[in-house]
Every structure is written in C-alpha cells, then in structure tokens.
PDB file of N, CA and C in Angstrom:
ATOM      1  N   MET A   1     -23.802  40.721 -18.442  1.00  0.00           N
ATOM      2  CA  MET A   1     -23.863  41.067 -17.231  1.00  0.00           C
ATOM      3  C   MET A   1     -25.052  42.545 -17.459  1.00  0.00           C
ATOM      4  N   ASP A   2     -25.620  42.758 -16.529  1.00  0.00           N
ATOM      5  CA  ASP A   2     -26.641  43.623 -16.368  1.00  0.00           C
ATOM      6  C   ASP A   2     -25.736  45.199 -16.271  1.00  0.00           C
ATOM      7  N   SER A   3     -26.188  46.155 -16.981  1.00  0.00           N
ATOM      8  CA  SER A   3     -25.367  47.480 -16.679  1.00  0.00           C
ATOM      9  C   SER A   3     -25.933  48.540 -15.954  1.00  0.00           C
ATOM     10  N   THR A   4     -26.873  48.375 -15.236  1.00  0.00           N
ATOM     11  CA  THR A   4     -28.081  48.957 -14.527  1.00  0.00           C
ATOM     12  C   THR A   4     -27.339  49.963 -13.657  1.00  0.00           C
ATOM     13  N   PRO A   5     -27.154  50.968 -13.357  1.00  0.00           N
ATOM     14  CA  PRO A   5     -26.421  52.004 -12.338  1.00  0.00           C
ATOM     15  C   PRO A   5     -27.294  51.597 -11.191  1.00  0.00           C
ATOM     16  N   ASN A   6     -26.259  52.250  -9.952  1.00  0.00           N
ATOM     17  CA  ASN A   6     -26.908  52.330  -8.649  1.00  0.00           C
ATOM     18  C   ASN A   6     -27.313  53.853  -8.558  1.00  0.00           C
ATOM     19  N   CYS A   7     -28.357  54.061  -7.805  1.00  0.00           N
ATOM     20  CA  CYS A   7     -28.953  55.296  -7.306  1.00  0.00           C
ATOM     21  C   CYS A   7     -27.612  56.294  -7.009  1.00  0.00           C
ATOM     22  N   PRO A   8     -27.388  57.374  -7.675  1.00  0.00           N
ATOM     23  CA  PRO A   8     -26.574  58.695  -7.101  1.00  0.00           C
ATOM     24  C   PRO A   8     -26.763  59.110  -5.716  1.00  0.00           C
ATOM     25  N   GLU A   9     -28.393  59.079  -5.612  1.00  0.00           N
ATOM     26  CA  GLU A   9     -28.814  59.596  -4.154  1.00  0.00           C
ATOM     27  C   GLU A   9     -28.505  59.007  -3.005  1.00  0.00           C
ATOM     28  N   CYS A  10     -29.136  57.399  -3.005  1.00  0.00           N
ATOM     29  CA  CYS A  10     -29.312  56.567  -1.915  1.00  0.00           C
ATOM     30  C   CYS A  10     -28.406  55.400  -2.017  1.00  0.00           C
ATOM     31  N   GLY A  11     -28.061  54.867  -3.501  1.00  0.00           N
ATOM     32  CA  GLY A  11     -26.985  53.932  -3.859  1.00  0.00           C
ATOM     33  C   GLY A  11     -27.944  52.628  -3.874  1.00  0.00           C
ATOM     34  N   CYS A  12     -28.997  52.477  -4.093  1.00  0.00           N
ATOM     35  CA  CYS A  12     -29.809  51.812  -4.211  1.00  0.00           C
ATOM     36  C   CYS A  12     -29.996  50.940  -5.578  1.00  0.00           C
ATOM     37  N   GLU A  13     -29.826  49.778  -5.330  1.00  0.00           N
ATOM     38  CA  GLU A  13     -29.684  48.523  -6.955  1.00  0.00           C
ATOM     39  C   GLU A  13     -30.718  48.635  -7.339  1.00  0.00           C
ATOM     40  N   HIS A  14     -31.892  48.677  -7.194  1.00  0.00           N
ATOM     41  CA  HIS A  14     -33.304  48.314  -7.544  1.00  0.00           C
ATOM     42  C   HIS A  14     -33.754  49.602  -8.595  1.00  0.00           C
ATOM     43  N   VAL A  15     -33.037  50.155  -9.333  1.00  0.00           N
ATOM     44  CA  VAL A  15     -33.201  51.253 -10.163  1.00  0.00           C
ATOM     45  C   VAL A  15     -34.190  50.639 -11.565  1.00  0.00           C
ATOM     46  N   TYR A  16     -34.831  51.706 -12.021  1.00  0.00           N
ATOM     47  CA  TYR A  16     -35.511  51.120 -13.176  1.00  0.00           C
ATOM     48  C   TYR A  16     -35.375  52.105 -14.461  1.00  0.00           C
ATOM     49  N   GLN A  17     -35.606  52.013 -15.774  1.00  0.00           N
ATOM     50  CA  GLN A  17     -35.499  52.921 -16.627  1.00  0.00           C
ATOM     51  C   GLN A  17     -36.696  53.237 -17.035  1.00  0.00           C
ATOM     52  N   ASP A  18     -37.239  54.445 -17.407  1.00  0.00           N
ATOM     53  CA  ASP A  18     -38.380  54.618 -18.075  1.00  0.00           C
ATOM     54  C   ASP A  18     -38.430  56.055 -19.078  1.00  0.00           C
ATOM     55  N   GLY A  19     -38.336  55.546 -20.071  1.00  0.00           N
ATOM     56  CA  GLY A  19     -38.100  56.115 -21.446  1.00  0.00           C
ATOM     57  C   GLY A  19     -36.624  56.705 -21.296  1.00  0.00           C
ATOM     58  N   SER A  20     -36.490  57.878 -21.126  1.00  0.00           N
ATOM     59  CA  SER A  20     -34.749  58.313 -21.124  1.00  0.00           C
ATOM     60  C   SER A  20     -34.446  58.791 -19.781  1.00  0.00           C
ATOM     61  N   LEU A  21     -35.099  58.061 -18.595  1.00  0.00           N
ATOM     62  CA  LEU A  21     -34.980  58.539 -17.224  1.00  0.00           C
ATOM     63  C   LEU A  21     -34.486  57.052 -16.536  1.00  0.00           C
ATOM     64  N   TRP A  22     -33.442  57.091 -15.289  1.00  0.00           N
ATOM     65  CA  TRP A  22     -33.506  56.301 -14.644  1.00  0.00           C
ATOM     66  C   TRP A  22     -34.240  56.584 -13.317  1.00  0.00           C
ATOM     67  N   ILE A  23     -34.993  55.700 -12.672  1.00  0.00           N
ATOM     68  CA  ILE A  23     -35.549  56.134 -11.687  1.00  0.00           C
ATOM     69  C   ILE A  23     -35.552  55.196 -10.392  1.00  0.00           C
ATOM     70  N   CYS A  24     -35.391  55.880  -9.152  1.00  0.00           N
ATOM     71  CA  CYS A  24     -34.875  54.798  -8.231  1.00  0.00           C
ATOM     72  C   CYS A  24     -36.433  54.864  -7.243  1.00  0.00           C
ATOM     73  N   PRO A  25     -37.067  53.455  -6.921  1.00  0.00           N
ATOM     74  CA  PRO A  25     -38.088  53.235  -6.290  1.00  0.00           C
ATOM     75  C   PRO A  25     -38.027  53.807  -4.765  1.00  0.00           C
ATOM     76  N   GLU A  26     -36.645  53.635  -4.217  1.00  0.00           N
ATOM     77  CA  GLU A  26     -36.592  54.005  -2.572  1.00  0.00           C
ATOM     78  C   GLU A  26     -36.576  55.299  -2.232  1.00  0.00           C
ATOM     79  N   CYS A  27     -35.827  56.460  -3.354  1.00  0.00           N
ATOM     80  CA  CYS A  27     -35.866  57.750  -2.600  1.00  0.00           C
ATOM     81  C   CYS A  27     -36.576  58.316  -3.700  1.00  0.00           C
ATOM     82  N   THR A  28     -37.224  57.877  -4.906  1.00  0.00           N
ATOM     83  CA  THR A  28     -37.849  58.320  -5.740  1.00  0.00           C
ATOM     84  C   THR A  28     -36.658  59.380  -6.685  1.00  0.00           C
ATOM     85  N   HIS A  29     -35.884  59.390  -6.528  1.00  0.00           N
ATOM     86  CA  HIS A  29     -34.402  60.431  -7.634  1.00  0.00           C
ATOM     87  C   HIS A  29     -34.652  59.650  -8.747  1.00  0.00           C
ATOM     88  N   GLU A  30     -34.642  60.833  -9.920  1.00  0.00           N
ATOM     89  CA  GLU A  30     -34.592  60.444 -11.246  1.00  0.00           C
ATOM     90  C   GLU A  30     -33.588  61.098 -11.861  1.00  0.00           C
ATOM     91  N   TRP A  31     -32.815  60.546 -12.846  1.00  0.00           N
ATOM     92  CA  TRP A  31     -31.681  61.014 -13.857  1.00  0.00           C
ATOM     93  C   TRP A  31     -31.386  60.767 -15.042  1.00  0.00           C
ATOM     94  N   GLY A  32     -30.877  61.294 -15.647  1.00  0.00           N
ATOM     95  CA  GLY A  32     -30.717  61.140 -17.261  1.00  0.00           C
ATOM     96  C   GLY A  32     -30.059  60.023 -17.601  1.00  0.00           C
ATOM     97  N   VAL A  33     -30.732  59.213 -18.509  1.00  0.00           N
ATOM     98  CA  VAL A  33     -29.734  57.966 -19.124  1.00  0.00           C
ATOM     99  C   VAL A  33     -28.192  58.262 -19.397  1.00  0.00           C
ATOM    100  N   ASN A  34     -28.233  59.174 -19.946  1.00  0.00           N
ATOM    101  CA  ASN A  34     -27.015  59.984 -20.757  1.00  0.00           C
ATOM    102  C   ASN A  34     -26.258  60.764 -19.822  1.00  0.00           C
ATOM    103  N   SER A  35     -26.448  60.718 -18.191  1.00  0.00           N
ATOM    104  CA  SER A  35     -25.763  61.618 -17.598  1.00  0.00           C
ATOM    105  C   SER A  35     -24.358  61.391 -17.528  1.00  0.00           C
ATOM    106  N   THR A  36     -23.479  62.580 -17.400  1.00  0.00           N
ATOM    107  CA  THR A  36     -22.255  62.474 -17.764  1.00  0.00           C
ATOM    108  C   THR A  36     -21.551  62.606 -16.289  1.00  0.00           C
ATOM    109  N   GLU A  37     -20.196  62.782 -16.106  1.00  0.00           N
ATOM    110  CA  GLU A  37     -19.531  62.850 -14.839  1.00  0.00           C
ATOM    111  C   GLU A  37     -19.877  64.237 -14.704  1.00  0.00           C
ATOM    112  N   ASN A  38     -19.751  65.179 -15.460  1.00  0.00           N
ATOM    113  CA  ASN A  38     -19.792  66.518 -15.101  1.00  0.00           C
ATOM    114  C   ASN A  38     -20.819  67.259 -14.419  1.00  0.00           C
ATOM    115  N   SER A  39     -22.289  66.306 -14.817  1.00  0.00           N
ATOM    116  CA  SER A  39     -23.369  66.658 -14.201  1.00  0.00           C
ATOM    117  C   SER A  39     -23.011  65.798 -12.777  1.00  0.00           C
ATOM    118  N   ALA A  40     -22.519  64.933 -12.627  1.00  0.00           N
ATOM    119  CA  ALA A  40     -22.248  64.310 -11.524  1.00  0.00           C
ATOM    120  C   ALA A  40     -21.578  65.177 -10.310  1.00  0.00           C
ATOM    121  N   ALA A  41     -20.403  65.997 -11.184  1.00  0.00           N
ATOM    122  CA  ALA A  41     -20.055  67.068 -10.245  1.00  0.00           C
ATOM    123  C   ALA A  41     -20.568  68.297 -10.062  1.00  0.00           C
ATOM    124  N   GLU A  42     -21.609  68.478 -10.522  1.00  0.00           N
ATOM    125  CA  GLU A  42     -22.796  69.533 -10.373  1.00  0.00           C
ATOM    126  C   GLU A  42     -23.524  69.103  -9.345  1.00  0.00           C
ATOM    127  N   ASP A  43     -24.246  67.738  -9.352  1.00  0.00           N
ATOM    128  CA  ASP A  43     -24.719  67.492  -8.221  1.00  0.00           C
ATOM    129  C   ASP A  43     -23.981  67.440  -6.917  1.00  0.00           C
ATOM    130  N   ASP A  44     -22.593  67.105  -6.815  1.00  0.00           N
ATOM    131  CA  ASP A  44     -21.758  67.417  -5.218  1.00  0.00           C
ATOM    132  C   ASP A  44     -21.384  68.664  -5.146  1.00  0.00           C
ATOM    133  N   ALA A  45     -21.887  69.783  -5.936  1.00  0.00           N
ATOM    134  CA  ALA A  45     -21.447  71.255  -5.573  1.00  0.00           C
ATOM    135  C   ALA A  45     -22.472  71.676  -4.475  1.00  0.00           C
ATOM    136  N   ILE A  46     -21.808  72.646  -3.634  1.00  0.00           N
ATOM    137  CA  ILE A  46     -22.482  73.244  -2.464  1.00  0.00           C
ATOM    138  C   ILE A  46     -23.353  74.080  -3.010  1.00  0.00           C
ATOM    139  N   ARG A  47     -24.601  74.017  -2.372  1.00  0.00           N
ATOM    140  CA  ARG A  47     -25.731  74.944  -2.764  1.00  0.00           C
ATOM    141  C   ARG A  47     -26.234  75.562  -1.530  1.00  0.00           C
ATOM    142  N   ASP A  48     -26.809  76.637  -1.748  1.00  0.00           N
ATOM    143  CA  ASP A  48     -27.449  77.772  -0.900  1.00  0.00           C
ATOM    144  C   ASP A  48     -28.681  77.329  -0.874  1.00  0.00           C
ATOM    145  N   ALA A  49     -29.413  78.137   0.125  1.00  0.00           N
ATOM    146  CA  ALA A  49     -31.104  77.570   0.290  1.00  0.00           C
ATOM    147  C   ALA A  49     -32.121  77.468  -0.813  1.00  0.00           C
ATOM    148  N   ASN A  50     -31.441  78.481  -1.717  1.00  0.00           N
ATOM    149  CA  ASN A  50     -32.433  78.825  -3.056  1.00  0.00           C
ATOM    150  C   ASN A  50     -32.055  77.663  -3.787  1.00  0.00           C
ATOM    151  N   GLY A  51     -30.812  76.872  -3.857  1.00  0.00           N
ATOM    152  CA  GLY A  51     -30.128  76.104  -4.863  1.00  0.00           C
ATOM    153  C   GLY A  51     -29.244  76.572  -5.624  1.00  0.00           C
ATOM    154  N   ASN A  52     -28.619  77.967  -5.494  1.00  0.00           N
ATOM    155  CA  ASN A  52     -27.253  78.200  -6.279  1.00  0.00           C
ATOM    156  C   ASN A  52     -26.265  77.969  -5.889  1.00  0.00           C
ATOM    157  N   VAL A  53     -25.428  77.632  -6.659  1.00  0.00           N
ATOM    158  CA  VAL A  53     -24.134  76.773  -6.782  1.00  0.00           C
ATOM    159  C   VAL A  53     -23.353  78.112  -6.088  1.00  0.00           C
ATOM    160  N   LEU A  54     -22.709  77.643  -4.855  1.00  0.00           N
ATOM    161  CA  LEU A  54     -21.587  78.553  -4.094  1.00  0.00           C
ATOM    162  C   LEU A  54     -20.271  78.209  -4.366  1.00  0.00           C
ATOM    163  N   THR A  55     -19.302  78.904  -4.211  1.00  0.00           N
ATOM    164  CA  THR A  55     -18.036  79.039  -4.431  1.00  0.00           C
ATOM    165  C   THR A  55     -16.908  79.739  -3.505  1.00  0.00           C
ATOM    166  N   ASP A  56     -15.917  79.348  -3.573  1.00  0.00           N
ATOM    167  CA  ASP A  56     -15.022  79.787  -2.469  1.00  0.00           C
ATOM    168  C   ASP A  56     -14.940  81.414  -2.673  1.00  0.00           C
ATOM    169  N   GLY A  57     -14.735  82.476  -1.794  1.00  0.00           N
ATOM    170  CA  GLY A  57     -14.996  83.688  -1.742  1.00  0.00           C
ATOM    171  C   GLY A  57     -16.003  84.438  -2.035  1.00  0.00           C
ATOM    172  N   ASP A  58     -17.176  83.418  -2.328  1.00  0.00           N
ATOM    173  CA  ASP A  58     -18.726  84.314  -2.227  1.00  0.00           C
ATOM    174  C   ASP A  58     -19.287  85.046  -1.269  1.00  0.00           C
ATOM    175  N   THR A  59     -19.902  85.977  -1.341  1.00  0.00           N
ATOM    176  CA  THR A  59     -20.703  86.631  -0.084  1.00  0.00           C
ATOM    177  C   THR A  59     -22.193  86.030   0.377  1.00  0.00           C
ATOM    178  N   VAL A  60     -22.357  85.623   1.281  1.00  0.00           N
ATOM    179  CA  VAL A  60     -23.487  85.147   1.434  1.00  0.00           C
ATOM    180  C   VAL A  60     -24.148  85.923   2.331  1.00  0.00           C
ATOM    181  N   THR A  61     -25.757  85.612   2.596  1.00  0.00           N
ATOM    182  CA  THR A  61     -26.465  86.452   3.650  1.00  0.00           C
ATOM    183  C   THR A  61     -27.437  85.142   4.789  1.00  0.00           C
ATOM    184  N   VAL A  62     -26.966  85.478   5.847  1.00  0.00           N
ATOM    185  CA  VAL A  62     -27.704  84.401   6.717  1.00  0.00           C
ATOM    186  C   VAL A  62     -29.507  84.593   6.634  1.00  0.00           C
ATOM    187  N   LEU A  63     -30.012  83.529   6.634  1.00  0.00           N
ATOM    188  CA  LEU A  63     -31.504  83.402   6.404  1.00  0.00           C
ATOM    189  C   LEU A  63     -32.375  83.556   7.836  1.00  0.00           C
ATOM    190  N   LYS A  64     -31.539  82.885   9.362  1.00  0.00           N
ATOM    191  CA  LYS A  64     -32.494  82.974   9.958  1.00  0.00           C
ATOM    192  C   LYS A  64     -31.798  82.975  11.126  1.00  0.00           C
ATOM    193  N   ASP A  65     -32.111  83.469  12.364  1.00  0.00           N
ATOM    194  CA  ASP A  65     -31.162  83.598  13.458  1.00  0.00           C
ATOM    195  C   ASP A  65     -30.388  82.121  13.860  1.00  0.00           C
ATOM    196  N   LEU A  66     -29.326  82.536  14.135  1.00  0.00           N
ATOM    197  CA  LEU A  66     -28.175  81.147  14.491  1.00  0.00           C
ATOM    198  C   LEU A  66     -27.935  81.360  15.907  1.00  0.00           C
ATOM    199  N   LYS A  67     -27.823  80.380  16.539  1.00  0.00           N
ATOM    200  CA  LYS A  67     -27.317  80.545  18.136  1.00  0.00           C
ATOM    201  C   LYS A  67     -26.033  79.837  17.913  1.00  0.00           C
ATOM    202  N   VAL A  68     -25.147  80.682  18.150  1.00  0.00           N
ATOM    203  CA  VAL A  68     -23.556  80.282  18.470  1.00  0.00           C
ATOM    204  C   VAL A  68     -23.507  78.902  19.494  1.00  0.00           C
ATOM    205  N   LYS A  69     -22.941  78.177  19.165  1.00  0.00           N
ATOM    206  CA  LYS A  69     -22.975  76.415  20.139  1.00  0.00           C
ATOM    207  C   LYS A  69     -21.730  77.133  21.052  1.00  0.00           C
ATOM    208  N   GLY A  70     -21.882  76.961  22.604  1.00  0.00           N
ATOM    209  CA  GLY A  70     -21.283  77.210  23.206  1.00  0.00           C
ATOM    210  C   GLY A  70     -20.892  78.712  23.994  1.00  0.00           C
ATOM    211  N   SER A  71     -22.033  79.755  23.374  1.00  0.00           N
ATOM    212  CA  SER A  71     -21.975  81.147  23.590  1.00  0.00           C
ATOM    213  C   SER A  71     -23.330  81.352  23.754  1.00  0.00           C
ATOM    214  N   SER A  72     -23.191  82.756  24.109  1.00  0.00           N
ATOM    215  CA  SER A  72     -24.841  83.113  24.458  1.00  0.00           C
ATOM    216  C   SER A  72     -25.066  84.279  23.283  1.00  0.00           C
ATOM    217  N   LEU A  73     -24.113  84.194  22.190  1.00  0.00           N
ATOM    218  CA  LEU A  73     -24.073  85.151  21.113  1.00  0.00           C
ATOM    219  C   LEU A  73     -25.046  84.427  19.947  1.00  0.00           C
ATOM    220  N   VAL A  74     -25.398  85.531  19.052  1.00  0.00           N
ATOM    221  CA  VAL A  74     -26.641  84.938  17.845  1.00  0.00           C
ATOM    222  C   VAL A  74     -26.402  85.718  16.797  1.00  0.00           C
ATOM    223  N   VAL A  75     -26.405  84.446  15.824  1.00  0.00           N
ATOM    224  CA  VAL A  75     -26.050  85.344  14.302  1.00  0.00           C
ATOM    225  C   VAL A  75     -27.317  85.821  14.008  1.00  0.00           C
ATOM    226  N   LYS A  76     -27.510  86.972  13.467  1.00  0.00           N
ATOM    227  CA  LYS A  76     -28.867  87.660  13.252  1.00  0.00           C
ATOM    228  C   LYS A  76     -29.041  87.461  11.773  1.00  0.00           C
ATOM    229  N   SER A  77     -30.465  87.133  11.443  1.00  0.00           N
ATOM    230  CA  SER A  77     -30.839  87.027  10.224  1.00  0.00           C
ATOM    231  C   SER A  77     -30.585  88.437   9.675  1.00  0.00           C
ATOM    232  N   GLY A  78     -30.042  87.882   8.022  1.00  0.00           N
ATOM    233  CA  GLY A  78     -29.739  89.289   7.377  1.00  0.00           C
ATOM    234  C   GLY A  78     -28.135  89.717   7.559  1.00  0.00           C
ATOM    235  N   THR A  79     -27.542  89.054   8.227  1.00  0.00           N
ATOM    236  CA  THR A  79     -26.174  89.139   8.458  1.00  0.00           C
ATOM    237  C   THR A  79     -25.292  88.864   6.990  1.00  0.00           C
ATOM    238  N   LYS A  80     -24.731  89.643   6.425  1.00  0.00           N
ATOM    239  CA  LYS A  80     -23.615  89.392   5.331  1.00  0.00           C
ATOM    240  C   LYS A  80     -22.462  88.697   5.796  1.00  0.00           C
ATOM    241  N   VAL A  81     -22.007  87.882   4.873  1.00  0.00           N
ATOM    242  CA  VAL A  81     -20.822  86.768   5.361  1.00  0.00           C
ATOM    243  C   VAL A  81     -19.999  86.992   4.235  1.00  0.00           C
ATOM    244  N   LYS A  82     -18.942  87.934   4.404  1.00  0.00           N
ATOM    245  CA  LYS A  82     -18.065  87.798   2.885  1.00  0.00           C
ATOM    246  C   LYS A  82     -16.803  86.725   2.907  1.00  0.00           C
ATOM    247  N   ASN A  83     -16.145  86.514   1.966  1.00  0.00           N
ATOM    248  CA  ASN A  83     -15.224  85.695   1.597  1.00  0.00           C
ATOM    249  C   ASN A  83     -15.286  84.237   2.170  1.00  0.00           C
ATOM    250  N   ILE A  84     -16.143  83.587   2.019  1.00  0.00           N
ATOM    251  CA  ILE A  84     -16.618  82.363   2.873  1.00  0.00           C
ATOM    252  C   ILE A  84     -15.517  81.210   2.133  1.00  0.00           C
ATOM    253  N   ARG A  85     -15.315  80.179   2.585  1.00  0.00           N
ATOM    254  CA  ARG A  85     -14.567  79.296   2.331  1.00  0.00           C
ATOM    255  C   ARG A  85     -15.201  77.694   2.318  1.00  0.00           C
ATOM    256  N   LEU A  86     -15.288  77.154   1.231  1.00  0.00           N
ATOM    257  CA  LEU A  86     -16.441  75.652   1.531  1.00  0.00           C
ATOM    258  C   LEU A  86     -15.232  74.610   2.024  1.00  0.00           C
ATOM    259  N   THR A  87     -15.832  73.738   2.776  1.00  0.00           N
ATOM    260  CA  THR A  87     -15.101  72.699   3.204  1.00  0.00           C
ATOM    261  C   THR A  87     -15.925  71.688   2.922  1.00  0.00           C
ATOM    262  N   ASN A  88     -15.600  70.478   3.445  1.00  0.00           N
ATOM    263  CA  ASN A  88     -16.368  69.046   3.288  1.00  0.00           C
ATOM    264  C   ASN A  88     -16.614  68.856   4.658  1.00  0.00           C
ATOM    265  N   GLY A  89     -17.337  69.363   5.625  1.00  0.00           N
ATOM    266  CA  GLY A  89     -18.009  68.753   6.876  1.00  0.00           C
ATOM    267  C   GLY A  89     -18.494  67.993   7.148  1.00  0.00           C
ATOM    268  N   SER A  90     -18.165  66.827   7.866  1.00  0.00           N
ATOM    269  CA  SER A  90     -19.045  65.470   7.963  1.00  0.00           C
ATOM    270  C   SER A  90     -20.441  65.923   8.605  1.00  0.00           C
ATOM    271  N   ASP A  91     -20.417  66.931   9.456  1.00  0.00           N
ATOM    272  CA  ASP A  91     -21.615  67.234  10.240  1.00  0.00           C
ATOM    273  C   ASP A  91     -22.708  68.188   9.518  1.00  0.00           C
ATOM    274  N   GLY A  92     -22.426  68.539   8.307  1.00  0.00           N
ATOM    275  CA  GLY A  92     -22.917  69.097   7.481  1.00  0.00           C
ATOM    276  C   GLY A  92     -22.773  70.835   7.769  1.00  0.00           C
ATOM    277  N   HIS A  93     -22.084  70.907   8.131  1.00  0.00           N
ATOM    278  CA  HIS A  93     -21.332  72.374   8.305  1.00  0.00           C
ATOM    279  C   HIS A  93     -20.163  72.714   7.423  1.00  0.00           C
ATOM    280  N   ASN A  94     -20.632  73.195   6.089  1.00  0.00           N
ATOM    281  CA  ASN A  94     -19.856  73.148   4.736  1.00  0.00           C
ATOM    282  C   ASN A  94     -19.301  74.369   4.383  1.00  0.00           C
ATOM    283  N   ILE A  95     -19.476  75.313   5.158  1.00  0.00           N
ATOM    284  CA  ILE A  95     -18.813  76.768   5.059  1.00  0.00           C
ATOM    285  C   ILE A  95     -18.323  77.463   6.085  1.00  0.00           C
ATOM    286  N   ASP A  96     -16.865  77.685   5.804  1.00  0.00           N
ATOM    287  CA  ASP A  96     -15.961  78.242   6.879  1.00  0.00           C
ATOM    288  C   ASP A  96     -15.826  79.931   6.544  1.00  0.00           C
ATOM    289  N   CYS A  97     -16.206  80.651   7.755  1.00  0.00           N
ATOM    290  CA  CYS A  97     -16.285  82.065   7.442  1.00  0.00           C
ATOM    291  C   CYS A  97     -15.894  82.731   8.847  1.00  0.00           C
ATOM    292  N   LYS A  98     -15.476  83.902   8.945  1.00  0.00           N
ATOM    293  CA  LYS A  98     -15.551  84.878   9.769  1.00  0.00           C
ATOM    294  C   LYS A  98     -16.562  85.929   9.749  1.00  0.00           C
ATOM    295  N   ILE A  99     -16.998  86.055  10.910  1.00  0.00           N
ATOM    296  CA  ILE A  99     -18.572  86.968  10.981  1.00  0.00           C
ATOM    297  C   ILE A  99     -17.930  88.079  12.005  1.00  0.00           C
ATOM    298  N   ASN A 100     -17.907  89.465  11.577  1.00  0.00           N
ATOM    299  CA  ASN A 100     -17.933  90.467  12.501  1.00  0.00           C
ATOM    300  C   ASN A 100     -18.501  90.502  13.593  1.00  0.00           C
ATOM    301  N   GLY A 101     -17.881  90.547  14.915  1.00  0.00           N
ATOM    302  CA  GLY A 101     -18.591  90.733  16.050  1.00  0.00           C
ATOM    303  C   GLY A 101     -18.335  89.236  16.972  1.00  0.00           C
ATOM    304  N   ILE A 102     -17.945  88.254  15.975  1.00  0.00           N
ATOM    305  CA  ILE A 102     -18.475  87.116  16.254  1.00  0.00           C
ATOM    306  C   ILE A 102     -16.970  86.213  16.347  1.00  0.00           C
ATOM    307  N   GLY A 103     -16.488  86.268  15.235  1.00  0.00           N
ATOM    308  CA  GLY A 103     -15.247  85.721  14.708  1.00  0.00           C
ATOM    309  C   GLY A 103     -15.389  84.250  14.074  1.00  0.00           C
ATOM    310  N   ALA A 104     -14.585  83.258  13.836  1.00  0.00           N
ATOM    311  CA  ALA A 104     -14.409  82.406  13.302  1.00  0.00           C
ATOM    312  C   ALA A 104     -15.342  81.402  13.542  1.00  0.00           C
ATOM    313  N   MET A 105     -15.938  80.787  12.242  1.00  0.00           N
ATOM    314  CA  MET A 105     -16.864  79.934  12.700  1.00  0.00           C
ATOM    315  C   MET A 105     -17.772  79.097  11.214  1.00  0.00           C
ATOM    316  N   ASN A 106     -18.391  78.004  11.625  1.00  0.00           N
ATOM    317  CA  ASN A 106     -18.642  77.250  10.554  1.00  0.00           C
ATOM    318  C   ASN A 106     -20.193  77.321  10.274  1.00  0.00           C
ATOM    319  N   LEU A 107     -20.722  77.316   9.180  1.00  0.00           N
ATOM    320  CA  LEU A 107     -22.191  77.371   8.781  1.00  0.00           C
ATOM    321  C   LEU A 107     -22.961  76.424   7.890  1.00  0.00           C
ATOM    322  N   LYS A 108     -23.883  75.895   7.914  1.00  0.00           N
ATOM    323  CA  LYS A 108     -24.574  74.996   7.092  1.00  0.00           C
ATOM    324  C   LYS A 108     -25.048  75.900   5.601  1.00  0.00           C
ATOM    325  N   SER A 109     -24.695  75.442   4.534  1.00  0.00           N
ATOM    326  CA  SER A 109     -25.268  76.164   3.315  1.00  0.00           C
ATOM    327  C   SER A 109     -26.948  76.288   3.411  1.00  0.00           C
ATOM    328  N   GLU A 110     -27.315  75.307   4.173  1.00  0.00           N
ATOM    329  CA  GLU A 110     -29.049  75.597   3.978  1.00  0.00           C
ATOM    330  C   GLU A 110     -29.752  76.836   4.844  1.00  0.00           C
ATOM    331  N   PHE A 111     -28.737  77.261   5.390  1.00  0.00           N
ATOM    332  CA  PHE A 111     -29.084  78.637   6.191  1.00  0.00           C
ATOM    333  C   PHE A 111     -28.655  79.833   5.517  1.00  0.00           C
ATOM    334  N   VAL A 112     -28.266  79.730   4.386  1.00  0.00           N
ATOM    335  CA  VAL A 112     -27.700  81.128   3.794  1.00  0.00           C
ATOM    336  C   VAL A 112     -28.055  80.929   2.472  1.00  0.00           C
ATOM    337  N   LYS A 113     -28.027  82.505   1.756  1.00  0.00           N
ATOM    338  CA  LYS A 113     -28.531  82.517   0.303  1.00  0.00           C
ATOM    339  C   LYS A 113     -27.312  83.298  -0.127  1.00  0.00           C
ATOM    340  N   LYS A 114     -26.976  83.196  -1.470  1.00  0.00           N
ATOM    341  CA  LYS A 114     -25.990  83.899  -2.285  1.00  0.00           C
ATOM    342  C   LYS A 114     -26.393  85.397  -2.272  1.00  0.00           C
ATOM    343  N   ALA A 115     -25.266  86.279  -2.055  1.00  0.00           N
ATOM    344  CA  ALA A 115     -25.641  87.857  -2.043  1.00  0.00           C
ATOM    345  C   ALA A 115     -25.690  88.107  -3.462  1.00  0.00           C
TER     346      ALA A 115
END
C-alpha cells in the first residue's frame, strides 16, 4: 500500500515528495516528511495578522476600522481589546471579546495584532 499523505491544507491526494518535503501541486503547500502531530496542532492555532499565535486572555489591537454589523458604530483602528476568548467560528470570526463603548462582539483574527 502507498503511504503518501494527503495535503493538510486542501486535502489533495496528488502530493509528491521532493527531498525532505512533501509538496501539493494544487495549493503549493510544503511540509516536512517527518512532521509530527505537534506541528499539526501548531498549524491549527489561531494567528493574528502578523502570524503570532493567539491564546485566551491575550490583549490585541485592531488594525483597521471595522463596521459593526446592524449598527452605525465603528471599531476604530488602534482600539485595544483585552482578555480575548478564542472560539471556533465557522464564519471566520474566531475571537470573542468585549469592546468598551460597543459591547460584546466577535472579531476575525486577520484584523488584529497581538499587543
């Protein structure tokens, strides 16, 4: 039986090995032959716009003005959000938080940076 893994990014089964790397021809993702489950868990970690891993309780800074859906309020760029909680939002909103003056809301990690 062939023990070729599927691509961890897109699930493609047409990956090939080049030296010590597996390469996916569809999404061009590359990963090590001896990758461990620990590195897979790191890949699943929620990261900010700069690639830093976020954890529950972190403080983040909003990078751009964000309109609040269903309201005329705007979360301004540079707003600090303390004590975030990470969620597994299916719509991409993976940060649960409370913002002063606005209240409880969800944010996407791509619009924040770790403070």
